[in-house]
N, C-alpha and C. Protein backbone atom coordinates (compact mmCIF):
# COMPACT_ATOMS: atom_id res chain seq x y z
N MET A 1 -28.96 -22.38 -35.34
CA MET A 1 -29.22 -21.41 -34.30
C MET A 1 -29.86 -22.06 -33.07
N ASN A 2 -30.75 -23.04 -33.31
CA ASN A 2 -31.40 -23.73 -32.21
C ASN A 2 -30.39 -24.50 -31.37
N SER A 3 -29.38 -25.09 -32.02
CA SER A 3 -28.38 -25.84 -31.26
C SER A 3 -27.53 -24.92 -30.39
N LEU A 4 -27.30 -23.69 -30.85
CA LEU A 4 -26.53 -22.73 -30.04
C LEU A 4 -27.32 -22.32 -28.80
N VAL A 5 -28.60 -22.05 -28.96
CA VAL A 5 -29.46 -21.69 -27.82
C VAL A 5 -29.55 -22.86 -26.86
N PHE A 6 -29.70 -24.07 -27.41
CA PHE A 6 -29.78 -25.26 -26.57
C PHE A 6 -28.49 -25.45 -25.77
N ALA A 7 -27.34 -25.23 -26.40
CA ALA A 7 -26.04 -25.38 -25.71
C ALA A 7 -25.89 -24.36 -24.58
N VAL A 8 -26.29 -23.11 -24.86
CA VAL A 8 -26.19 -22.06 -23.83
C VAL A 8 -27.12 -22.38 -22.66
N LEU A 9 -28.33 -22.83 -22.96
CA LEU A 9 -29.27 -23.19 -21.89
C LEU A 9 -28.78 -24.39 -21.10
N ALA A 10 -28.17 -25.35 -21.78
CA ALA A 10 -27.65 -26.53 -21.09
C ALA A 10 -26.50 -26.15 -20.16
N LEU A 11 -25.57 -25.32 -20.64
CA LEU A 11 -24.46 -24.87 -19.79
C LEU A 11 -24.97 -24.04 -18.61
N GLY A 12 -25.94 -23.19 -18.87
CA GLY A 12 -26.52 -22.39 -17.79
C GLY A 12 -27.19 -23.25 -16.74
N GLY A 13 -27.91 -24.28 -17.21
CA GLY A 13 -28.56 -25.20 -16.28
C GLY A 13 -27.56 -25.97 -15.43
N MET A 14 -26.47 -26.43 -16.06
CA MET A 14 -25.43 -27.15 -15.30
C MET A 14 -24.76 -26.23 -14.27
N ALA A 15 -24.53 -24.97 -14.67
CA ALA A 15 -23.93 -24.02 -13.73
C ALA A 15 -24.85 -23.75 -12.55
N LEU A 16 -26.15 -23.65 -12.83
CA LEU A 16 -27.13 -23.44 -11.76
C LEU A 16 -27.16 -24.63 -10.81
N LEU A 17 -27.16 -25.85 -11.36
CA LEU A 17 -27.15 -27.06 -10.52
C LEU A 17 -25.87 -27.14 -9.68
N ALA A 18 -24.73 -26.80 -10.28
CA ALA A 18 -23.46 -26.82 -9.53
C ALA A 18 -23.48 -25.79 -8.41
N GLY A 19 -24.05 -24.62 -8.68
CA GLY A 19 -24.15 -23.59 -7.64
C GLY A 19 -25.03 -24.02 -6.49
N VAL A 20 -26.17 -24.64 -6.80
CA VAL A 20 -27.08 -25.14 -5.75
C VAL A 20 -26.40 -26.23 -4.95
N ALA A 21 -25.68 -27.14 -5.63
CA ALA A 21 -24.97 -28.22 -4.93
C ALA A 21 -23.89 -27.65 -3.99
N LEU A 22 -23.17 -26.64 -4.45
CA LEU A 22 -22.15 -26.02 -3.59
C LEU A 22 -22.78 -25.32 -2.39
N ALA A 23 -23.90 -24.65 -2.60
CA ALA A 23 -24.57 -23.97 -1.49
C ALA A 23 -25.03 -24.97 -0.43
N ILE A 24 -25.58 -26.09 -0.88
CA ILE A 24 -26.02 -27.13 0.06
C ILE A 24 -24.83 -27.74 0.79
N ALA A 25 -23.75 -28.01 0.05
CA ALA A 25 -22.55 -28.59 0.68
C ALA A 25 -21.95 -27.63 1.70
N THR A 26 -21.99 -26.34 1.41
CA THR A 26 -21.46 -25.35 2.36
C THR A 26 -22.23 -25.39 3.67
N ARG A 27 -23.54 -25.52 3.59
CA ARG A 27 -24.34 -25.56 4.82
C ARG A 27 -24.19 -26.89 5.57
N VAL A 28 -24.13 -27.99 4.83
CA VAL A 28 -24.04 -29.31 5.46
C VAL A 28 -22.67 -29.53 6.10
N PHE A 29 -21.60 -29.17 5.42
CA PHE A 29 -20.24 -29.45 5.88
C PHE A 29 -19.58 -28.26 6.55
N HIS A 30 -20.34 -27.26 6.97
CA HIS A 30 -19.78 -26.05 7.59
C HIS A 30 -19.13 -26.39 8.93
N VAL A 31 -17.90 -25.89 9.12
CA VAL A 31 -17.16 -26.12 10.35
C VAL A 31 -16.95 -24.76 11.03
N GLU A 32 -17.43 -24.66 12.25
CA GLU A 32 -17.25 -23.42 13.00
C GLU A 32 -15.81 -23.33 13.50
N GLY A 33 -15.20 -22.15 13.37
CA GLY A 33 -13.88 -21.92 13.93
C GLY A 33 -14.00 -21.52 15.39
N ASN A 34 -12.91 -21.60 16.11
CA ASN A 34 -12.90 -21.20 17.51
C ASN A 34 -12.61 -19.71 17.57
N PRO A 35 -13.57 -18.88 18.02
CA PRO A 35 -13.34 -17.43 18.02
C PRO A 35 -12.21 -17.02 18.98
N VAL A 36 -12.01 -17.76 20.07
CA VAL A 36 -10.93 -17.44 21.00
C VAL A 36 -9.58 -17.70 20.34
N ALA A 37 -9.49 -18.81 19.60
CA ALA A 37 -8.24 -19.13 18.89
C ALA A 37 -7.94 -18.06 17.85
N GLU A 38 -8.96 -17.56 17.18
CA GLU A 38 -8.76 -16.50 16.19
C GLU A 38 -8.27 -15.22 16.85
N GLN A 39 -8.81 -14.88 18.02
CA GLN A 39 -8.35 -13.69 18.75
C GLN A 39 -6.91 -13.85 19.20
N ILE A 40 -6.55 -15.03 19.69
CA ILE A 40 -5.17 -15.29 20.10
C ILE A 40 -4.24 -15.20 18.90
N ASP A 41 -4.67 -15.76 17.76
CA ASP A 41 -3.86 -15.72 16.55
C ASP A 41 -3.59 -14.28 16.11
N HIS A 42 -4.56 -13.40 16.29
CA HIS A 42 -4.36 -11.99 15.93
C HIS A 42 -3.37 -11.30 16.86
N LEU A 43 -3.23 -11.79 18.10
CA LEU A 43 -2.28 -11.20 19.04
C LEU A 43 -0.84 -11.65 18.76
N LEU A 44 -0.67 -12.81 18.14
CA LEU A 44 0.66 -13.36 17.89
C LEU A 44 1.36 -12.62 16.76
N PRO A 45 2.70 -12.62 16.74
CA PRO A 45 3.45 -11.82 15.76
C PRO A 45 3.45 -12.37 14.34
N GLN A 46 2.95 -13.57 14.13
CA GLN A 46 2.86 -14.19 12.80
C GLN A 46 4.21 -14.39 12.14
N THR A 47 5.22 -14.74 12.94
CA THR A 47 6.53 -15.03 12.37
C THR A 47 6.63 -16.46 11.86
N GLN A 48 5.73 -17.35 12.31
CA GLN A 48 5.72 -18.76 11.91
C GLN A 48 7.10 -19.40 12.14
N CYS A 49 7.77 -19.01 13.21
CA CYS A 49 9.16 -19.43 13.43
C CYS A 49 9.28 -20.81 14.08
N GLY A 50 8.25 -21.28 14.74
CA GLY A 50 8.29 -22.60 15.36
C GLY A 50 8.99 -22.64 16.70
N GLN A 51 9.38 -21.49 17.27
CA GLN A 51 10.07 -21.48 18.56
C GLN A 51 9.16 -21.89 19.70
N CYS A 52 7.85 -21.87 19.49
CA CYS A 52 6.90 -22.27 20.52
C CYS A 52 6.71 -23.79 20.56
N GLY A 53 7.26 -24.50 19.58
CA GLY A 53 7.08 -25.94 19.51
C GLY A 53 5.95 -26.35 18.58
N TYR A 54 5.31 -25.40 17.94
CA TYR A 54 4.25 -25.66 16.98
C TYR A 54 4.69 -25.16 15.61
N PRO A 55 4.14 -25.69 14.53
CA PRO A 55 4.63 -25.31 13.21
C PRO A 55 4.30 -23.89 12.78
N GLY A 56 3.46 -23.20 13.51
CA GLY A 56 3.11 -21.83 13.16
C GLY A 56 2.26 -21.19 14.24
N CYS A 57 1.87 -19.95 13.99
CA CYS A 57 1.11 -19.21 14.99
C CYS A 57 -0.32 -19.74 15.15
N THR A 58 -0.96 -20.14 14.08
CA THR A 58 -2.34 -20.64 14.18
C THR A 58 -2.43 -21.94 14.97
N PRO A 59 -1.55 -22.94 14.73
CA PRO A 59 -1.62 -24.14 15.57
C PRO A 59 -1.35 -23.85 17.04
N TYR A 60 -0.43 -22.91 17.32
CA TYR A 60 -0.17 -22.54 18.72
C TYR A 60 -1.40 -21.86 19.32
N ALA A 61 -2.05 -20.99 18.56
CA ALA A 61 -3.26 -20.31 19.05
C ALA A 61 -4.36 -21.32 19.35
N ASN A 62 -4.51 -22.32 18.48
CA ASN A 62 -5.52 -23.37 18.73
C ASN A 62 -5.18 -24.16 19.99
N ALA A 63 -3.89 -24.45 20.20
CA ALA A 63 -3.49 -25.21 21.38
C ALA A 63 -3.72 -24.41 22.66
N VAL A 64 -3.45 -23.11 22.63
CA VAL A 64 -3.70 -22.27 23.81
C VAL A 64 -5.20 -22.19 24.07
N ALA A 65 -5.99 -22.04 23.02
CA ALA A 65 -7.44 -21.91 23.18
C ALA A 65 -8.07 -23.16 23.77
N ASP A 66 -7.57 -24.34 23.38
CA ASP A 66 -8.16 -25.57 23.94
C ASP A 66 -7.47 -26.02 25.23
N GLY A 67 -6.51 -25.27 25.72
CA GLY A 67 -5.89 -25.55 27.02
C GLY A 67 -4.74 -26.53 27.00
N SER A 68 -4.29 -26.95 25.82
CA SER A 68 -3.19 -27.91 25.78
C SER A 68 -1.82 -27.25 25.74
N ALA A 69 -1.76 -25.92 25.68
CA ALA A 69 -0.48 -25.21 25.71
C ALA A 69 -0.60 -24.00 26.62
N ASP A 70 0.51 -23.62 27.23
CA ASP A 70 0.54 -22.44 28.10
C ASP A 70 0.63 -21.17 27.26
N VAL A 71 0.40 -20.04 27.90
CA VAL A 71 0.40 -18.76 27.21
C VAL A 71 1.81 -18.19 27.02
N ASN A 72 2.83 -18.84 27.55
CA ASN A 72 4.17 -18.25 27.60
C ASN A 72 5.17 -18.86 26.62
N HIS A 73 4.73 -19.44 25.53
CA HIS A 73 5.67 -20.10 24.62
C HIS A 73 6.11 -19.23 23.45
N CYS A 74 5.49 -18.09 23.20
CA CYS A 74 5.83 -17.26 22.04
C CYS A 74 7.00 -16.35 22.38
N VAL A 75 8.18 -16.75 21.96
CA VAL A 75 9.40 -15.98 22.25
C VAL A 75 9.45 -14.68 21.47
N PRO A 76 9.16 -14.66 20.15
CA PRO A 76 9.22 -13.38 19.43
C PRO A 76 8.21 -12.36 19.95
N GLY A 77 7.05 -12.83 20.41
CA GLY A 77 6.05 -11.91 20.94
C GLY A 77 6.44 -11.31 22.28
N GLY A 78 7.23 -12.04 23.03
CA GLY A 78 7.74 -11.54 24.31
C GLY A 78 6.67 -11.42 25.38
N GLU A 79 7.01 -10.66 26.40
CA GLU A 79 6.14 -10.54 27.57
C GLU A 79 4.84 -9.81 27.25
N ARG A 80 4.91 -8.82 26.37
CA ARG A 80 3.70 -8.05 26.04
C ARG A 80 2.64 -8.96 25.40
N THR A 81 3.04 -9.79 24.47
CA THR A 81 2.10 -10.72 23.83
C THR A 81 1.59 -11.74 24.83
N MET A 82 2.49 -12.25 25.68
CA MET A 82 2.09 -13.23 26.68
C MET A 82 1.05 -12.64 27.62
N ARG A 83 1.24 -11.40 28.06
CA ARG A 83 0.27 -10.75 28.96
C ARG A 83 -1.08 -10.53 28.26
N ALA A 84 -1.05 -10.16 26.99
CA ALA A 84 -2.30 -9.95 26.25
C ALA A 84 -3.06 -11.27 26.11
N ILE A 85 -2.35 -12.36 25.83
CA ILE A 85 -3.01 -13.67 25.72
C ILE A 85 -3.53 -14.11 27.08
N ALA A 86 -2.76 -13.89 28.15
CA ALA A 86 -3.20 -14.27 29.50
C ALA A 86 -4.46 -13.49 29.88
N ASP A 87 -4.52 -12.19 29.55
CA ASP A 87 -5.71 -11.39 29.83
C ASP A 87 -6.92 -11.92 29.06
N LEU A 88 -6.70 -12.27 27.80
CA LEU A 88 -7.79 -12.79 26.98
C LEU A 88 -8.31 -14.12 27.52
N MET A 89 -7.39 -14.98 27.95
CA MET A 89 -7.77 -16.30 28.44
C MET A 89 -8.23 -16.27 29.90
N GLY A 90 -7.96 -15.18 30.62
CA GLY A 90 -8.33 -15.10 32.03
C GLY A 90 -7.48 -15.97 32.92
N VAL A 91 -6.21 -16.13 32.57
CA VAL A 91 -5.28 -16.93 33.36
C VAL A 91 -4.18 -16.03 33.90
N GLU A 92 -3.45 -16.56 34.85
CA GLU A 92 -2.35 -15.82 35.46
C GLU A 92 -1.17 -15.75 34.48
N PRO A 93 -0.59 -14.55 34.28
CA PRO A 93 0.58 -14.45 33.41
C PRO A 93 1.75 -15.24 33.97
N LYS A 94 2.56 -15.79 33.08
CA LYS A 94 3.74 -16.55 33.47
C LYS A 94 4.95 -15.91 32.83
N ALA A 95 6.12 -16.28 33.30
CA ALA A 95 7.34 -15.78 32.67
C ALA A 95 7.45 -16.39 31.28
N VAL A 96 7.97 -15.60 30.34
CA VAL A 96 8.17 -16.09 28.98
C VAL A 96 9.12 -17.27 29.05
N GLU A 97 8.85 -18.31 28.26
CA GLU A 97 9.56 -19.57 28.37
C GLU A 97 11.07 -19.43 28.22
N GLU A 98 11.54 -18.63 27.28
CA GLU A 98 12.97 -18.43 27.12
C GLU A 98 13.35 -17.09 27.69
N ALA A 99 14.58 -17.00 28.15
CA ALA A 99 15.06 -15.74 28.70
C ALA A 99 15.09 -14.69 27.60
N ALA A 100 14.72 -13.47 27.98
CA ALA A 100 14.72 -12.39 27.01
C ALA A 100 16.15 -12.14 26.53
N ALA A 101 16.29 -12.06 25.24
CA ALA A 101 17.60 -11.82 24.65
C ALA A 101 17.53 -10.56 23.81
N GLU A 102 18.68 -10.09 23.43
CA GLU A 102 18.72 -8.93 22.55
C GLU A 102 18.01 -9.27 21.24
N PRO A 103 17.24 -8.35 20.69
CA PRO A 103 16.63 -8.63 19.39
C PRO A 103 17.71 -8.81 18.33
N MET A 104 17.53 -9.85 17.51
CA MET A 104 18.52 -10.16 16.49
C MET A 104 17.96 -9.89 15.10
N VAL A 105 18.87 -9.70 14.16
CA VAL A 105 18.51 -9.51 12.76
C VAL A 105 19.52 -10.27 11.91
N ALA A 106 19.03 -10.87 10.83
CA ALA A 106 19.91 -11.62 9.94
C ALA A 106 20.70 -10.64 9.07
N PHE A 107 21.93 -11.01 8.78
CA PHE A 107 22.78 -10.22 7.88
C PHE A 107 23.45 -11.18 6.91
N ILE A 108 23.30 -10.92 5.62
CA ILE A 108 23.90 -11.79 4.60
C ILE A 108 25.18 -11.14 4.10
N ARG A 109 26.28 -11.90 4.18
CA ARG A 109 27.54 -11.43 3.61
C ARG A 109 27.43 -11.62 2.10
N GLU A 110 27.12 -10.53 1.41
CA GLU A 110 26.77 -10.61 -0.01
C GLU A 110 27.91 -11.12 -0.88
N ASP A 111 29.17 -10.85 -0.51
CA ASP A 111 30.28 -11.31 -1.33
C ASP A 111 30.43 -12.83 -1.29
N GLU A 112 29.83 -13.49 -0.30
CA GLU A 112 29.89 -14.95 -0.21
C GLU A 112 28.60 -15.62 -0.69
N CYS A 113 27.55 -14.85 -0.91
CA CYS A 113 26.24 -15.39 -1.30
C CYS A 113 26.32 -15.92 -2.73
N ILE A 114 25.78 -17.12 -2.95
CA ILE A 114 25.78 -17.72 -4.29
C ILE A 114 24.43 -17.57 -4.99
N GLY A 115 23.45 -16.96 -4.34
CA GLY A 115 22.15 -16.73 -4.95
C GLY A 115 21.29 -17.97 -5.11
N CYS A 116 21.35 -18.87 -4.14
CA CYS A 116 20.60 -20.13 -4.25
C CYS A 116 19.12 -19.98 -3.92
N THR A 117 18.71 -18.91 -3.28
CA THR A 117 17.33 -18.59 -2.88
C THR A 117 16.76 -19.49 -1.79
N LEU A 118 17.57 -20.36 -1.18
CA LEU A 118 17.05 -21.22 -0.12
C LEU A 118 16.67 -20.41 1.12
N CYS A 119 17.41 -19.34 1.40
CA CYS A 119 17.07 -18.50 2.55
C CYS A 119 15.77 -17.74 2.31
N ILE A 120 15.53 -17.35 1.06
CA ILE A 120 14.28 -16.64 0.73
C ILE A 120 13.09 -17.55 0.99
N LYS A 121 13.21 -18.80 0.59
CA LYS A 121 12.11 -19.76 0.79
C LYS A 121 11.89 -20.06 2.27
N ALA A 122 12.96 -20.00 3.08
CA ALA A 122 12.84 -20.33 4.50
C ALA A 122 12.31 -19.18 5.34
N CYS A 123 12.42 -17.96 4.85
CA CYS A 123 12.02 -16.78 5.64
C CYS A 123 10.50 -16.70 5.73
N PRO A 124 9.93 -16.76 6.95
CA PRO A 124 8.47 -16.75 7.08
C PRO A 124 7.84 -15.38 6.90
N VAL A 125 8.64 -14.31 6.96
CA VAL A 125 8.09 -12.96 6.87
C VAL A 125 8.55 -12.22 5.63
N ASP A 126 9.17 -12.90 4.68
CA ASP A 126 9.64 -12.30 3.43
C ASP A 126 10.56 -11.11 3.66
N ALA A 127 11.49 -11.26 4.59
CA ALA A 127 12.44 -10.18 4.89
C ALA A 127 13.69 -10.27 4.03
N ILE A 128 13.84 -11.32 3.25
CA ILE A 128 15.03 -11.48 2.40
C ILE A 128 14.62 -11.27 0.95
N ILE A 129 15.38 -10.41 0.26
CA ILE A 129 15.09 -10.16 -1.15
C ILE A 129 16.30 -10.54 -1.99
N GLY A 130 16.04 -10.89 -3.22
CA GLY A 130 17.08 -11.27 -4.15
C GLY A 130 16.49 -12.09 -5.27
N ALA A 131 17.33 -12.51 -6.17
CA ALA A 131 16.90 -13.31 -7.30
C ALA A 131 17.86 -14.48 -7.46
N PRO A 132 17.45 -15.53 -8.18
CA PRO A 132 18.35 -16.66 -8.38
C PRO A 132 19.66 -16.22 -9.03
N LYS A 133 20.75 -16.72 -8.49
CA LYS A 133 22.11 -16.45 -8.96
C LYS A 133 22.51 -14.98 -8.83
N HIS A 134 21.87 -14.28 -7.93
CA HIS A 134 22.22 -12.90 -7.60
C HIS A 134 22.32 -12.78 -6.09
N TYR A 135 22.98 -11.73 -5.63
CA TYR A 135 23.13 -11.53 -4.19
C TYR A 135 21.76 -11.33 -3.54
N HIS A 136 21.68 -11.74 -2.29
CA HIS A 136 20.47 -11.52 -1.50
C HIS A 136 20.81 -10.54 -0.39
N THR A 137 19.79 -9.90 0.13
CA THR A 137 19.97 -9.01 1.27
C THR A 137 18.75 -9.09 2.17
N VAL A 138 18.90 -8.62 3.39
CA VAL A 138 17.84 -8.69 4.39
C VAL A 138 17.28 -7.30 4.64
N ILE A 139 15.97 -7.19 4.66
CA ILE A 139 15.31 -5.94 5.05
C ILE A 139 15.20 -5.98 6.57
N ALA A 140 16.08 -5.25 7.24
CA ALA A 140 16.22 -5.35 8.70
C ALA A 140 14.93 -5.02 9.44
N ASP A 141 14.14 -4.08 8.93
CA ASP A 141 12.89 -3.71 9.62
C ASP A 141 11.87 -4.84 9.63
N HIS A 142 11.96 -5.76 8.67
CA HIS A 142 11.01 -6.87 8.58
C HIS A 142 11.51 -8.14 9.26
N CYS A 143 12.82 -8.24 9.46
CA CYS A 143 13.40 -9.46 10.03
C CYS A 143 13.01 -9.60 11.49
N THR A 144 12.55 -10.80 11.87
CA THR A 144 12.16 -11.05 13.26
C THR A 144 13.24 -11.79 14.05
N GLY A 145 14.33 -12.15 13.41
CA GLY A 145 15.41 -12.85 14.11
C GLY A 145 15.07 -14.27 14.48
N CYS A 146 14.29 -14.95 13.65
CA CYS A 146 13.83 -16.31 13.99
C CYS A 146 14.87 -17.38 13.71
N ASN A 147 15.95 -17.07 13.02
CA ASN A 147 17.05 -18.00 12.70
C ASN A 147 16.68 -19.07 11.69
N LEU A 148 15.52 -19.03 11.08
CA LEU A 148 15.12 -20.09 10.15
C LEU A 148 15.90 -20.04 8.83
N CYS A 149 16.56 -18.93 8.54
CA CYS A 149 17.33 -18.82 7.30
C CYS A 149 18.74 -19.38 7.44
N LEU A 150 19.21 -19.61 8.65
CA LEU A 150 20.59 -20.06 8.86
C LEU A 150 20.83 -21.47 8.35
N GLU A 151 19.97 -22.39 8.70
CA GLU A 151 20.20 -23.81 8.37
C GLU A 151 20.20 -24.11 6.88
N PRO A 152 19.27 -23.55 6.08
CA PRO A 152 19.28 -23.92 4.66
C PRO A 152 20.42 -23.32 3.84
N CYS A 153 21.13 -22.33 4.37
CA CYS A 153 22.18 -21.67 3.59
C CYS A 153 23.36 -22.64 3.38
N PRO A 154 23.65 -23.02 2.11
CA PRO A 154 24.71 -24.00 1.88
C PRO A 154 26.12 -23.46 2.05
N VAL A 155 26.30 -22.14 2.01
CA VAL A 155 27.65 -21.58 2.12
C VAL A 155 27.87 -20.86 3.45
N ASP A 156 26.88 -20.92 4.34
CA ASP A 156 26.99 -20.34 5.68
C ASP A 156 27.40 -18.86 5.62
N CYS A 157 26.68 -18.08 4.83
CA CYS A 157 27.02 -16.66 4.68
C CYS A 157 26.05 -15.74 5.43
N ILE A 158 25.25 -16.31 6.33
CA ILE A 158 24.28 -15.51 7.08
C ILE A 158 24.71 -15.45 8.54
N ASP A 159 24.77 -14.25 9.08
CA ASP A 159 25.10 -14.03 10.48
C ASP A 159 23.89 -13.43 11.18
N MET A 160 23.75 -13.73 12.45
CA MET A 160 22.72 -13.09 13.26
C MET A 160 23.41 -12.02 14.09
N LEU A 161 23.00 -10.76 13.90
CA LEU A 161 23.59 -9.63 14.60
C LEU A 161 22.55 -9.02 15.54
N ILE A 162 23.05 -8.35 16.56
CA ILE A 162 22.14 -7.66 17.47
C ILE A 162 21.50 -6.50 16.72
N LYS A 163 20.19 -6.44 16.77
CA LYS A 163 19.45 -5.39 16.05
C LYS A 163 19.68 -4.05 16.75
N PRO A 164 20.15 -3.06 16.02
CA PRO A 164 20.37 -1.76 16.66
C PRO A 164 19.04 -1.13 17.06
N GLU A 165 19.03 -0.51 18.22
CA GLU A 165 17.80 0.14 18.70
C GLU A 165 17.75 1.54 18.12
N LEU A 166 16.82 1.74 17.20
CA LEU A 166 16.68 3.02 16.55
C LEU A 166 15.83 3.95 17.40
N LEU A 167 16.05 5.23 17.24
CA LEU A 167 15.35 6.22 18.05
C LEU A 167 13.84 6.12 17.89
N GLU A 168 13.36 5.85 16.67
CA GLU A 168 11.91 5.80 16.46
C GLU A 168 11.26 4.57 17.08
N HIS A 169 12.06 3.54 17.44
CA HIS A 169 11.51 2.35 18.09
C HIS A 169 11.74 2.33 19.59
N TRP A 170 12.46 3.31 20.11
CA TRP A 170 12.81 3.31 21.53
C TRP A 170 11.63 3.79 22.35
N SER A 171 11.45 3.21 23.54
CA SER A 171 10.42 3.67 24.46
C SER A 171 10.95 3.52 25.88
N TRP A 172 10.38 4.25 26.80
CA TRP A 172 10.80 4.17 28.19
C TRP A 172 10.50 2.78 28.71
N PRO A 173 11.42 2.20 29.48
CA PRO A 173 11.12 0.88 30.05
C PRO A 173 10.01 1.00 31.10
N LEU A 174 9.25 -0.08 31.23
CA LEU A 174 8.18 -0.10 32.23
C LEU A 174 8.80 -0.10 33.62
N PRO A 175 8.21 0.63 34.57
CA PRO A 175 8.79 0.68 35.92
C PRO A 175 8.53 -0.62 36.67
N ASP A 176 9.42 -0.92 37.57
CA ASP A 176 9.23 -2.04 38.47
C ASP A 176 8.08 -1.66 39.39
N THR A 177 7.04 -2.49 39.46
CA THR A 177 5.83 -2.11 40.18
C THR A 177 6.08 -1.88 41.67
N GLU A 178 6.88 -2.72 42.31
CA GLU A 178 7.13 -2.55 43.74
C GLU A 178 7.92 -1.27 44.00
N ARG A 179 8.94 -1.03 43.16
CA ARG A 179 9.75 0.17 43.33
C ARG A 179 8.90 1.41 43.06
N ALA A 180 8.00 1.34 42.07
CA ALA A 180 7.14 2.47 41.76
C ALA A 180 6.19 2.76 42.92
N ARG A 181 5.60 1.70 43.54
CA ARG A 181 4.70 1.91 44.68
C ARG A 181 5.45 2.52 45.86
N THR A 182 6.68 2.03 46.12
CA THR A 182 7.48 2.56 47.22
C THR A 182 7.81 4.03 46.97
N GLY A 183 8.14 4.37 45.73
CA GLY A 183 8.47 5.75 45.39
C GLY A 183 7.27 6.66 45.54
N LEU A 184 6.07 6.17 45.17
CA LEU A 184 4.86 6.97 45.32
C LEU A 184 4.54 7.19 46.80
N LYS A 185 4.74 6.17 47.65
CA LYS A 185 4.48 6.32 49.08
C LYS A 185 5.42 7.36 49.68
N ARG A 186 6.70 7.29 49.30
CA ARG A 186 7.67 8.25 49.84
C ARG A 186 7.32 9.67 49.41
N ARG A 187 6.93 9.84 48.15
CA ARG A 187 6.57 11.17 47.67
C ARG A 187 5.34 11.71 48.42
N SER A 188 4.33 10.85 48.65
CA SER A 188 3.13 11.33 49.33
C SER A 188 3.43 11.64 50.79
N GLN A 189 4.32 10.84 51.44
CA GLN A 189 4.71 11.14 52.83
C GLN A 189 5.49 12.44 52.89
N HIS A 190 6.37 12.66 51.90
CA HIS A 190 7.17 13.88 51.85
C HIS A 190 6.26 15.10 51.64
N ALA A 191 5.23 14.95 50.80
CA ALA A 191 4.31 16.04 50.52
C ALA A 191 3.47 16.35 51.76
N GLN A 192 3.06 15.31 52.53
CA GLN A 192 2.26 15.53 53.72
C GLN A 192 3.09 16.19 54.82
N ALA A 193 4.37 15.85 54.90
CA ALA A 193 5.24 16.42 55.93
C ALA A 193 5.52 17.89 55.65
N ALA A 194 5.53 18.28 54.38
CA ALA A 194 5.86 19.66 54.00
C ALA A 194 4.69 20.56 54.14
């Protein structure tokens, strides 16, 4: 019985020492994150597509925060994300690096799919579902159109199609600011004349 108590006390003592050592190491080796980079990372769409020239959204956010990258490289985020990052950084907004294109969505021709799962592994947002040696399909609402699933497909059964604009996602386009100001001036002049 004494050896059992001694073993429990010895294990408890070692656990206590390990806990104290970890607490000290946490304080000594603590690395502060950049709060601006974290805020920028939260604004990005988290597609991890690499279209900005960085391997993911976090490295791009760190580069923008330290000034080594411009605010206009996130193509999936578009102009709205670029303007939000520019406001956060206090810099002048720039045109998005690539021309705005129609939103795309991946489509897998299931009759040609061999079920290799390479596209599933390549998808950064888990928009492709399926199992090994079974057909795969794309959840269109989750697909960001990053094209990362095209290259690994060995049978080339994935097409990029224009994403249909559904009624629940549609919104009025933003007005051209100069045209809107001119229209407001004309309306106020017309109202004053009447």
